[in-house]
Amino acid sequence: LTQLNINANCDGVDSLPDIIFTIGNNNYAIPSSIYVLREQALGGKTVCEAGIQGSSGSEWIWGDTFIRAWYSVFDHGGLRVGFARSINP
């Protein structure tokens, strides 16, 4: 995530690359418009930060950032999860 160079002042955020997660043989792209969170700080200033958290290992927290880009269906009986591109990212 540090390689993305998300500027806290939001400069260049719209030109950042998609983040692509690979699950099995499928790639799931998340555009910067979804993975960069724009928040209003005290004093009305807009700040940007990553909406995905990672670690130095292989654990990631995708949370609502992934779900905004990909509709998720959980099949508890079949022990599987399905994804489809969201129409309202």
Protein backbone atom coordinates (compact mmCIF):
# COMPACT_ATOMS: atom_id res chain seq x y z
CA LEU A 1 0.00 0.00 0.00
CA THR A 2 2.86 2.40 0.64
CA GLN A 3 3.93 1.96 -3.00
CA LEU A 4 0.65 3.54 -4.12
CA ASN A 5 1.82 6.94 -2.87
CA ILE A 6 -1.58 8.15 -1.75
CA ASN A 7 -0.98 11.80 -0.94
CA ALA A 8 -2.77 12.94 2.19
CA ASN A 9 -3.63 16.16 0.35
CA CYS A 10 -5.31 14.05 -2.41
CA ASP A 11 -2.97 15.25 -5.21
CA GLY A 12 -2.87 12.72 -8.07
CA VAL A 13 -5.36 10.35 -6.46
CA ASP A 14 -7.51 10.09 -9.60
CA SER A 15 -4.55 8.79 -11.64
CA LEU A 16 -3.59 5.97 -9.25
CA PRO A 17 -3.71 2.42 -10.67
CA ASP A 18 -6.33 -0.16 -9.86
CA ILE A 19 -5.51 -2.62 -7.09
CA ILE A 20 -6.01 -6.16 -8.38
CA PHE A 21 -6.71 -9.04 -6.03
CA THR A 22 -6.39 -12.57 -7.36
CA ILE A 23 -8.57 -15.24 -5.77
CA GLY A 24 -8.14 -18.64 -7.37
CA ASN A 25 -7.84 -17.94 -11.09
CA ASN A 26 -9.94 -14.76 -11.00
CA ASN A 27 -8.75 -11.15 -10.84
CA TYR A 28 -10.78 -8.52 -9.00
CA ALA A 29 -9.89 -4.90 -9.77
CA ILE A 30 -10.65 -2.06 -7.38
CA PRO A 31 -10.22 1.45 -8.82
CA SER A 32 -8.73 4.31 -6.82
CA SER A 33 -12.15 5.98 -6.73
CA ILE A 34 -13.13 3.17 -4.35
CA TYR A 35 -9.94 2.26 -2.45
CA VAL A 36 -8.96 5.86 -1.66
CA LEU A 37 -11.08 7.37 1.09
CA ARG A 38 -11.60 11.13 0.98
CA GLU A 39 -12.50 12.45 4.38
CA GLN A 40 -13.12 15.91 5.69
CA ALA A 41 -10.81 16.78 8.55
CA LEU A 42 -11.18 19.46 11.17
CA GLY A 43 -11.26 22.87 9.58
CA GLY A 44 -12.91 21.56 6.41
CA LYS A 45 -9.70 20.28 4.79
CA THR A 46 -10.06 17.13 2.64
CA VAL A 47 -7.56 14.35 3.35
CA CYS A 48 -7.04 11.05 1.54
CA GLU A 49 -6.00 7.64 2.84
CA ALA A 50 -6.17 3.99 1.80
CA GLY A 51 -9.42 2.17 2.52
CA ILE A 52 -7.64 -1.21 2.58
CA GLN A 53 -5.35 -2.28 5.40
CA GLY A 54 -2.47 -4.67 4.98
CA SER A 55 0.38 -6.09 6.93
CA SER A 56 3.90 -7.20 6.15
CA GLY A 57 2.56 -10.76 5.91
CA SER A 58 -0.23 -12.13 3.76
CA GLU A 59 -3.17 -10.84 5.83
CA TRP A 60 -5.34 -8.05 4.41
CA ILE A 61 -8.50 -6.31 5.53
CA TRP A 62 -10.58 -5.53 2.44
CA GLY A 63 -13.90 -4.86 4.14
CA ASP A 64 -16.38 -2.45 2.64
CA THR A 65 -13.79 -1.26 0.09
CA PHE A 66 -13.93 -4.62 -1.69
CA ILE A 67 -17.68 -5.00 -1.26
CA ARG A 68 -18.35 -1.58 -2.84
CA ALA A 69 -16.59 -2.78 -6.01
CA TRP A 70 -17.73 -6.42 -5.97
CA TYR A 71 -21.17 -7.72 -5.01
CA SER A 72 -20.67 -10.73 -2.75
CA VAL A 73 -22.90 -13.81 -2.34
CA PHE A 74 -22.22 -16.17 0.54
CA ASP A 75 -23.39 -19.77 0.06
CA HIS A 76 -23.07 -21.28 3.52
CA GLY A 77 -24.55 -24.63 2.47
CA GLY A 78 -22.14 -25.00 -0.45
CA LEU A 79 -19.22 -23.51 1.50
CA ARG A 80 -18.45 -21.00 -1.25
CA VAL A 81 -18.49 -17.30 -2.03
CA GLY A 82 -19.35 -15.71 -5.37
CA PHE A 83 -18.49 -12.24 -6.68
CA ALA A 84 -19.97 -10.03 -9.40
CA ARG A 85 -18.97 -6.48 -10.35
CA SER A 86 -21.12 -3.98 -8.49
CA ILE A 87 -23.30 -1.74 -10.63
CA ASN A 88 -23.24 1.05 -8.00
CA PRO A 89 -19.61 1.45 -6.91
